[in-house]
Amino acid sequence: MAQAFDKVWHQGLPFKLKTVLPHTYYLILQSFLFHRFFSVRQGLEISTIRPVLARVPQGSILAPSLYIIYTHDIPTNSGTLTAT
């Protein structure tokens, strides 16, 4: 499951959160997940600020739970090969 949290699709996660959580919790998580930005610094140079378009914030206690919600409906049966 290397880099699993980096693969969470930001437009798909809120849809799933809306279906499994009360609206109030959804709004709280939405403010936690979205409108995040990053930049990269190498030496003295700093890149422009860019939006984060995928991933769950790592290092938070919520990250594993959000990933489980995101992947809980992956179809499984004897004829299905699941890979990410």
PDB file of N, CA and C in Angstrom:
ATOM      1  N   MET A   1       0.826  -1.191   0.000  1.00  0.00           N
ATOM      2  CA  MET A   1       0.000   0.000   0.000  1.00  0.00           C
ATOM      3  C   MET A   1       0.872   1.256   0.000  1.00  0.00           C
ATOM      4  N   ALA A   2       2.004   1.202  -0.676  1.00  0.00           N
ATOM      5  CA  ALA A   2       2.879   2.358  -0.736  1.00  0.00           C
ATOM      6  C   ALA A   2       2.178   3.530  -1.403  1.00  0.00           C
ATOM      7  N   GLN A   3       2.281   4.671  -0.819  1.00  0.00           N
ATOM      8  CA  GLN A   3       1.723   5.925  -1.321  1.00  0.00           C
ATOM      9  C   GLN A   3       0.208   5.883  -1.474  1.00  0.00           C
ATOM     10  N   ALA A   4      -0.467   5.063  -0.695  1.00  0.00           N
ATOM     11  CA  ALA A   4      -1.923   4.933  -0.814  1.00  0.00           C
ATOM     12  C   ALA A   4      -2.626   6.255  -0.546  1.00  0.00           C
ATOM     13  N   PHE A   5      -2.196   6.992   0.454  1.00  0.00           N
ATOM     14  CA  PHE A   5      -2.854   8.245   0.800  1.00  0.00           C
ATOM     15  C   PHE A   5      -2.681   9.294  -0.291  1.00  0.00           C
ATOM     16  N   ASP A   6      -1.607   9.165  -1.078  1.00  0.00           N
ATOM     17  CA  ASP A   6      -1.361  10.120  -2.160  1.00  0.00           C
ATOM     18  C   ASP A   6      -2.299   9.921  -3.340  1.00  0.00           C
ATOM     19  N   LYS A   7      -2.988   8.799  -3.406  1.00  0.00           N
ATOM     20  CA  LYS A   7      -3.818   8.465  -4.557  1.00  0.00           C
ATOM     21  C   LYS A   7      -5.292   8.813  -4.376  1.00  0.00           C
ATOM     22  N   VAL A   8      -5.666   9.343  -3.230  1.00  0.00           N
ATOM     23  CA  VAL A   8      -7.076   9.651  -2.980  1.00  0.00           C
ATOM     24  C   VAL A   8      -7.494  10.824  -3.854  1.00  0.00           C
ATOM     25  N   TRP A   9      -8.536  10.627  -4.635  1.00  0.00           N
ATOM     26  CA  TRP A   9      -9.040  11.623  -5.590  1.00  0.00           C
ATOM     27  C   TRP A   9      -9.903  12.629  -4.847  1.00  0.00           C
ATOM     28  N   HIS A  10      -9.540  13.896  -4.900  1.00  0.00           N
ATOM     29  CA  HIS A  10     -10.218  14.937  -4.120  1.00  0.00           C
ATOM     30  C   HIS A  10     -11.664  15.172  -4.531  1.00  0.00           C
ATOM     31  N   GLN A  11     -12.028  14.916  -5.754  1.00  0.00           N
ATOM     32  CA  GLN A  11     -13.423  15.119  -6.145  1.00  0.00           C
ATOM     33  C   GLN A  11     -14.279  13.904  -5.806  1.00  0.00           C
ATOM     34  N   GLY A  12     -13.670  12.728  -5.698  1.00  0.00           N
ATOM     35  CA  GLY A  12     -14.419  11.530  -5.352  1.00  0.00           C
ATOM     36  C   GLY A  12     -14.635  11.371  -3.859  1.00  0.00           C
ATOM     37  N   LEU A  13     -13.675  11.806  -3.056  1.00  0.00           N
ATOM     38  CA  LEU A  13     -13.780  11.654  -1.605  1.00  0.00           C
ATOM     39  C   LEU A  13     -14.968  12.400  -1.013  1.00  0.00           C
ATOM     40  N   PRO A  14     -15.238  13.667  -1.360  1.00  0.00           N
ATOM     41  CA  PRO A  14     -16.391  14.336  -0.760  1.00  0.00           C
ATOM     42  C   PRO A  14     -17.714  13.665  -1.114  1.00  0.00           C
ATOM     43  N   PHE A  15     -17.808  13.126  -2.316  1.00  0.00           N
ATOM     44  CA  PHE A  15     -19.027  12.420  -2.696  1.00  0.00           C
ATOM     45  C   PHE A  15     -19.267  11.237  -1.757  1.00  0.00           C
ATOM     46  N   LYS A  16     -18.220  10.489  -1.490  1.00  0.00           N
ATOM     47  CA  LYS A  16     -18.345   9.341  -0.597  1.00  0.00           C
ATOM     48  C   LYS A  16     -18.598   9.777   0.835  1.00  0.00           C
ATOM     49  N   LEU A  17     -17.949  10.861   1.268  1.00  0.00           N
ATOM     50  CA  LEU A  17     -18.169  11.344   2.634  1.00  0.00           C
ATOM     51  C   LEU A  17     -19.619  11.763   2.841  1.00  0.00           C
ATOM     52  N   LYS A  18     -20.209  12.380   1.820  1.00  0.00           N
ATOM     53  CA  LYS A  18     -21.613  12.801   1.922  1.00  0.00           C
ATOM     54  C   LYS A  18     -22.550  11.614   2.104  1.00  0.00           C
ATOM     55  N   THR A  19     -22.189  10.479   1.544  1.00  0.00           N
ATOM     56  CA  THR A  19     -23.080   9.323   1.612  1.00  0.00           C
ATOM     57  C   THR A  19     -22.984   8.570   2.932  1.00  0.00           C
ATOM     58  N   VAL A  20     -21.889   8.729   3.679  1.00  0.00           N
ATOM     59  CA  VAL A  20     -21.715   7.935   4.903  1.00  0.00           C
ATOM     60  C   VAL A  20     -21.699   8.758   6.182  1.00  0.00           C
ATOM     61  N   LEU A  21     -21.605  10.070   6.078  1.00  0.00           N
ATOM     62  CA  LEU A  21     -21.499  10.907   7.278  1.00  0.00           C
ATOM     63  C   LEU A  21     -22.651  11.896   7.374  1.00  0.00           C
ATOM     64  N   PRO A  22     -23.012  12.292   8.589  1.00  0.00           N
ATOM     65  CA  PRO A  22     -23.972  13.391   8.747  1.00  0.00           C
ATOM     66  C   PRO A  22     -23.409  14.676   8.123  1.00  0.00           C
ATOM     67  N   HIS A  23     -24.287  15.547   7.677  1.00  0.00           N
ATOM     68  CA  HIS A  23     -23.887  16.764   6.959  1.00  0.00           C
ATOM     69  C   HIS A  23     -22.900  17.622   7.761  1.00  0.00           C
ATOM     70  N   THR A  24     -23.102  17.738   9.058  1.00  0.00           N
ATOM     71  CA  THR A  24     -22.210  18.564   9.889  1.00  0.00           C
ATOM     72  C   THR A  24     -20.783  18.026   9.860  1.00  0.00           C
ATOM     73  N   TYR A  25     -20.626  16.700   9.968  1.00  0.00           N
ATOM     74  CA  TYR A  25     -19.291  16.103   9.913  1.00  0.00           C
ATOM     75  C   TYR A  25     -18.670  16.287   8.530  1.00  0.00           C
ATOM     76  N   TYR A  26     -19.505  16.167   7.518  1.00  0.00           N
ATOM     77  CA  TYR A  26     -19.016  16.379   6.149  1.00  0.00           C
ATOM     78  C   TYR A  26     -18.423  17.781   6.003  1.00  0.00           C
ATOM     79  N   LEU A  27     -19.116  18.788   6.516  1.00  0.00           N
ATOM     80  CA  LEU A  27     -18.625  20.166   6.407  1.00  0.00           C
ATOM     81  C   LEU A  27     -17.313  20.363   7.155  1.00  0.00           C
ATOM     82  N   ILE A  28     -17.188  19.739   8.314  1.00  0.00           N
ATOM     83  CA  ILE A  28     -15.941  19.843   9.075  1.00  0.00           C
ATOM     84  C   ILE A  28     -14.791  19.205   8.295  1.00  0.00           C
ATOM     85  N   LEU A  29     -15.021  18.023   7.769  1.00  0.00           N
ATOM     86  CA  LEU A  29     -13.969  17.350   7.012  1.00  0.00           C
ATOM     87  C   LEU A  29     -13.642  18.071   5.716  1.00  0.00           C
ATOM     88  N   GLN A  30     -14.631  18.677   5.100  1.00  0.00           N
ATOM     89  CA  GLN A  30     -14.390  19.436   3.884  1.00  0.00           C
ATOM     90  C   GLN A  30     -13.419  20.589   4.156  1.00  0.00           C
ATOM     91  N   SER A  31     -13.605  21.272   5.270  1.00  0.00           N
ATOM     92  CA  SER A  31     -12.692  22.378   5.588  1.00  0.00           C
ATOM     93  C   SER A  31     -11.291  21.871   5.917  1.00  0.00           C
ATOM     94  N   PHE A  32     -11.197  20.642   6.428  1.00  0.00           N
ATOM     95  CA  PHE A  32      -9.910  20.028   6.746  1.00  0.00           C
ATOM     96  C   PHE A  32      -9.169  19.576   5.484  1.00  0.00           C
ATOM     97  N   LEU A  33      -9.899  19.083   4.503  1.00  0.00           N
ATOM     98  CA  LEU A  33      -9.282  18.464   3.335  1.00  0.00           C
ATOM     99  C   LEU A  33      -8.969  19.408   2.184  1.00  0.00           C
ATOM    100  N   PHE A  34      -9.809  20.412   1.986  1.00  0.00           N
ATOM    101  CA  PHE A  34      -9.722  21.172   0.750  1.00  0.00           C
ATOM    102  C   PHE A  34      -9.171  22.573   0.955  1.00  0.00           C
ATOM    103  N   HIS A  35      -8.872  23.204  -0.146  1.00  0.00           N
ATOM    104  CA  HIS A  35      -8.278  24.542  -0.158  1.00  0.00           C
ATOM    105  C   HIS A  35      -6.924  24.531   0.538  1.00  0.00           C
ATOM    106  N   ARG A  36      -6.137  23.495   0.257  1.00  0.00           N
ATOM    107  CA  ARG A  36      -4.769  23.371   0.762  1.00  0.00           C
ATOM    108  C   ARG A  36      -3.817  23.670  -0.388  1.00  0.00           C
ATOM    109  N   PHE A  37      -2.673  24.216  -0.045  1.00  0.00           N
ATOM    110  CA  PHE A  37      -1.689  24.603  -1.048  1.00  0.00           C
ATOM    111  C   PHE A  37      -0.302  24.149  -0.610  1.00  0.00           C
ATOM    112  N   PHE A  38       0.632  24.094  -1.575  1.00  0.00           N
ATOM    113  CA  PHE A  38       1.997  23.714  -1.250  1.00  0.00           C
ATOM    114  C   PHE A  38       2.966  24.493  -2.129  1.00  0.00           C
ATOM    115  N   SER A  39       4.204  24.537  -1.684  1.00  0.00           N
ATOM    116  CA  SER A  39       5.310  25.033  -2.496  1.00  0.00           C
ATOM    117  C   SER A  39       6.528  24.197  -2.130  1.00  0.00           C
ATOM    118  N   VAL A  40       7.531  24.243  -2.982  1.00  0.00           N
ATOM    119  CA  VAL A  40       8.739  23.451  -2.783  1.00  0.00           C
ATOM    120  C   VAL A  40       9.914  24.394  -2.653  1.00  0.00           C
ATOM    121  N   ARG A  41      10.765  24.102  -1.683  1.00  0.00           N
ATOM    122  CA  ARG A  41      11.980  24.913  -1.522  1.00  0.00           C
ATOM    123  C   ARG A  41      13.184  24.021  -1.724  1.00  0.00           C
ATOM    124  N   GLN A  42      14.089  24.453  -2.575  1.00  0.00           N
ATOM    125  CA  GLN A  42      15.356  23.771  -2.771  1.00  0.00           C
ATOM    126  C   GLN A  42      16.451  24.809  -2.646  1.00  0.00           C
ATOM    127  N   GLY A  43      17.219  24.684  -1.613  1.00  0.00           N
ATOM    128  CA  GLY A  43      18.232  25.690  -1.342  1.00  0.00           C
ATOM    129  C   GLY A  43      17.567  27.008  -0.992  1.00  0.00           C
ATOM    130  N   LEU A  44      17.889  28.047  -1.743  1.00  0.00           N
ATOM    131  CA  LEU A  44      17.297  29.362  -1.509  1.00  0.00           C
ATOM    132  C   LEU A  44      16.106  29.646  -2.419  1.00  0.00           C
ATOM    133  N   GLU A  45      15.827  28.744  -3.348  1.00  0.00           N
ATOM    134  CA  GLU A  45      14.749  28.941  -4.303  1.00  0.00           C
ATOM    135  C   GLU A  45      13.434  28.355  -3.779  1.00  0.00           C
ATOM    136  N   ILE A  46      12.329  29.066  -3.998  1.00  0.00           N
ATOM    137  CA  ILE A  46      11.003  28.600  -3.598  1.00  0.00           C
ATOM    138  C   ILE A  46      10.095  28.646  -4.823  1.00  0.00           C
ATOM    139  N   SER A  47       9.387  27.546  -5.064  1.00  0.00           N
ATOM    140  CA  SER A  47       8.495  27.473  -6.215  1.00  0.00           C
ATOM    141  C   SER A  47       7.249  28.316  -5.971  1.00  0.00           C
ATOM    142  N   THR A  48       6.452  28.445  -7.025  1.00  0.00           N
ATOM    143  CA  THR A  48       5.171  29.128  -6.874  1.00  0.00           C
ATOM    144  C   THR A  48       4.222  28.248  -6.065  1.00  0.00           C
ATOM    145  N   ILE A  49       3.235  28.853  -5.467  1.00  0.00           N
ATOM    146  CA  ILE A  49       2.255  28.125  -4.660  1.00  0.00           C
ATOM    147  C   ILE A  49       1.266  27.443  -5.591  1.00  0.00           C
ATOM    148  N   ARG A  50       1.031  26.156  -5.334  1.00  0.00           N
ATOM    149  CA  ARG A  50       0.126  25.344  -6.148  1.00  0.00           C
ATOM    150  C   ARG A  50      -0.915  24.682  -5.259  1.00  0.00           C
ATOM    151  N   PRO A  51      -2.112  24.403  -5.803  1.00  0.00           N
ATOM    152  CA  PRO A  51      -3.123  23.700  -5.005  1.00  0.00           C
ATOM    153  C   PRO A  51      -2.808  22.207  -4.911  1.00  0.00           C
ATOM    154  N   VAL A  52      -3.165  21.598  -3.807  1.00  0.00           N
ATOM    155  CA  VAL A  52      -3.068  20.150  -3.652  1.00  0.00           C
ATOM    156  C   VAL A  52      -4.347  19.566  -4.245  1.00  0.00           C
ATOM    157  N   LEU A  53      -4.219  18.734  -5.290  1.00  0.00           N
ATOM    158  CA  LEU A  53      -5.377  18.220  -6.012  1.00  0.00           C
ATOM    159  C   LEU A  53      -5.696  16.767  -5.681  1.00  0.00           C
ATOM    160  N   ALA A  54      -4.830  16.085  -4.981  1.00  0.00           N
ATOM    161  CA  ALA A  54      -5.081  14.706  -4.563  1.00  0.00           C
ATOM    162  C   ALA A  54      -4.316  14.460  -3.282  1.00  0.00           C
ATOM    163  N   ARG A  55      -4.715  13.486  -2.529  1.00  0.00           N
ATOM    164  CA  ARG A  55      -4.102  12.987  -1.305  1.00  0.00           C
ATOM    165  C   ARG A  55      -4.896  13.386  -0.087  1.00  0.00           C
ATOM    166  N   VAL A  56      -4.665  12.648   0.961  1.00  0.00           N
ATOM    167  CA  VAL A  56      -5.218  12.929   2.274  1.00  0.00           C
ATOM    168  C   VAL A  56      -4.059  13.468   3.101  1.00  0.00           C
ATOM    169  N   PRO A  57      -4.247  14.535   3.888  1.00  0.00           N
ATOM    170  CA  PRO A  57      -3.145  15.046   4.710  1.00  0.00           C
ATOM    171  C   PRO A  57      -2.563  13.952   5.595  1.00  0.00           C
ATOM    172  N   GLN A  58      -1.284  13.681   5.406  1.00  0.00           N
ATOM    173  CA  GLN A  58      -0.638  12.623   6.170  1.00  0.00           C
ATOM    174  C   GLN A  58      -0.189  13.143   7.524  1.00  0.00           C
ATOM    175  N   GLY A  59      -0.066  12.229   8.451  1.00  0.00           N
ATOM    176  CA  GLY A  59       0.347  12.598   9.789  1.00  0.00           C
ATOM    177  C   GLY A  59      -0.825  12.959  10.681  1.00  0.00           C
ATOM    178  N   SER A  60      -2.013  13.020  10.105  1.00  0.00           N
ATOM    179  CA  SER A  60      -3.193  13.319  10.911  1.00  0.00           C
ATOM    180  C   SER A  60      -3.834  12.011  11.349  1.00  0.00           C
ATOM    181  N   ILE A  61      -4.522  12.047  12.429  1.00  0.00           N
ATOM    182  CA  ILE A  61      -5.194  10.853  12.931  1.00  0.00           C
ATOM    183  C   ILE A  61      -6.369  10.458  12.036  1.00  0.00           C
ATOM    184  N   LEU A  62      -6.863  11.392  11.236  1.00  0.00           N
ATOM    185  CA  LEU A  62      -7.996  11.116  10.351  1.00  0.00           C
ATOM    186  C   LEU A  62      -7.611  10.424   9.052  1.00  0.00           C
ATOM    187  N   ALA A  63      -6.355  10.499   8.647  1.00  0.00           N
ATOM    188  CA  ALA A  63      -5.946   9.988   7.341  1.00  0.00           C
ATOM    189  C   ALA A  63      -6.321   8.521   7.127  1.00  0.00           C
ATOM    190  N   PRO A  64      -6.020   7.595   8.036  1.00  0.00           N
ATOM    191  CA  PRO A  64      -6.412   6.199   7.786  1.00  0.00           C
ATOM    192  C   PRO A  64      -7.927   6.014   7.671  1.00  0.00           C
ATOM    193  N   SER A  65      -8.690   6.710   8.506  1.00  0.00           N
ATOM    194  CA  SER A  65     -10.149   6.587   8.440  1.00  0.00           C
ATOM    195  C   SER A  65     -10.691   7.124   7.126  1.00  0.00           C
ATOM    196  N   LEU A  66     -10.157   8.238   6.655  1.00  0.00           N
ATOM    197  CA  LEU A  66     -10.603   8.796   5.379  1.00  0.00           C
ATOM    198  C   LEU A  66     -10.264   7.869   4.217  1.00  0.00           C
ATOM    199  N   TYR A  67      -9.106   7.237   4.281  1.00  0.00           N
ATOM    200  CA  TYR A  67      -8.730   6.305   3.233  1.00  0.00           C
ATOM    201  C   TYR A  67      -9.650   5.088   3.234  1.00  0.00           C
ATOM    202  N   ILE A  68     -10.014   4.605   4.415  1.00  0.00           N
ATOM    203  CA  ILE A  68     -10.937   3.471   4.514  1.00  0.00           C
ATOM    204  C   ILE A  68     -12.303   3.839   3.933  1.00  0.00           C
ATOM    205  N   ILE A  69     -12.796   5.032   4.240  1.00  0.00           N
ATOM    206  CA  ILE A  69     -14.072   5.488   3.675  1.00  0.00           C
ATOM    207  C   ILE A  69     -13.970   5.554   2.152  1.00  0.00           C
ATOM    208  N   TYR A  70     -12.844   6.047   1.669  1.00  0.00           N
ATOM    209  CA  TYR A  70     -12.653   6.198   0.223  1.00  0.00           C
ATOM    210  C   TYR A  70     -12.659   4.853  -0.494  1.00  0.00           C
ATOM    211  N   THR A  71     -12.085   3.831   0.131  1.00  0.00           N
ATOM    212  CA  THR A  71     -11.921   2.542  -0.550  1.00  0.00           C
ATOM    213  C   THR A  71     -12.920   1.479  -0.117  1.00  0.00           C
ATOM    214  N   HIS A  72     -13.823   1.782   0.778  1.00  0.00           N
ATOM    215  CA  HIS A  72     -14.694   0.740   1.338  1.00  0.00           C
ATOM    216  C   HIS A  72     -15.643   0.109   0.318  1.00  0.00           C
ATOM    217  N   ASP A  73     -15.906   0.775  -0.773  1.00  0.00           N
ATOM    218  CA  ASP A  73     -16.869   0.235  -1.732  1.00  0.00           C
ATOM    219  C   ASP A  73     -16.218  -0.341  -2.997  1.00  0.00           C
ATOM    220  N   ILE A  74     -14.943  -0.672  -2.907  1.00  0.00           N
ATOM    221  CA  ILE A  74     -14.290  -1.331  -4.049  1.00  0.00           C
ATOM    222  C   ILE A  74     -14.933  -2.701  -4.228  1.00  0.00           C
ATOM    223  N   PRO A  75     -15.408  -3.013  -5.428  1.00  0.00           N
ATOM    224  CA  PRO A  75     -16.071  -4.310  -5.622  1.00  0.00           C
ATOM    225  C   PRO A  75     -15.097  -5.472  -5.468  1.00  0.00           C
ATOM    226  N   THR A  76     -15.546  -6.499  -4.790  1.00  0.00           N
ATOM    227  CA  THR A  76     -14.722  -7.694  -4.631  1.00  0.00           C
ATOM    228  C   THR A  76     -15.577  -8.932  -4.868  1.00  0.00           C
ATOM    229  N   ASN A  77     -15.065  -9.811  -5.670  1.00  0.00           N
ATOM    230  CA  ASN A  77     -15.637 -11.138  -5.855  1.00  0.00           C
ATOM    231  C   ASN A  77     -14.571 -12.007  -6.499  1.00  0.00           C
ATOM    232  N   SER A  78     -14.873 -13.252  -6.709  1.00  0.00           N
ATOM    233  CA  SER A  78     -13.854 -14.186  -7.222  1.00  0.00           C
ATOM    234  C   SER A  78     -13.362 -13.822  -8.623  1.00  0.00           C
ATOM    235  N   GLY A  79     -14.172 -13.077  -9.387  1.00  0.00           N
ATOM    236  CA  GLY A  79     -13.778 -12.703 -10.731  1.00  0.00           C
ATOM    237  C   GLY A  79     -13.158 -11.318 -10.851  1.00  0.00           C
ATOM    238  N   THR A  80     -12.885 -10.689  -9.712  1.00  0.00           N
ATOM    239  CA  THR A  80     -12.365  -9.323  -9.721  1.00  0.00           C
ATOM    240  C   THR A  80     -10.920  -9.292  -9.255  1.00  0.00           C
ATOM    241  N   LEU A  81     -10.060  -8.669 -10.025  1.00  0.00           N
ATOM    242  CA  LEU A  81      -8.677  -8.439  -9.637  1.00  0.00           C
ATOM    243  C   LEU A  81      -8.576  -6.964  -9.259  1.00  0.00           C
ATOM    244  N   THR A  82      -8.238  -6.691  -8.003  1.00  0.00           N
ATOM    245  CA  THR A  82      -8.158  -5.317  -7.527  1.00  0.00           C
ATOM    246  C   THR A  82      -6.694  -4.913  -7.427  1.00  0.00           C
ATOM    247  N   ALA A  83      -6.349  -3.778  -8.033  1.00  0.00           N
ATOM    248  CA  ALA A  83      -4.977  -3.270  -7.983  1.00  0.00           C
ATOM    249  C   ALA A  83      -5.041  -1.753  -8.020  1.00  0.00           C
ATOM    250  N   THR A  84      -4.103  -1.116  -7.361  1.00  0.00           N
ATOM    251  CA  THR A  84      -3.998   0.337  -7.418  1.00  0.00           C
ATOM    252  C   THR A  84      -2.641   0.747  -7.902  1.00  0.00           C
TER     253      THR A  84
END
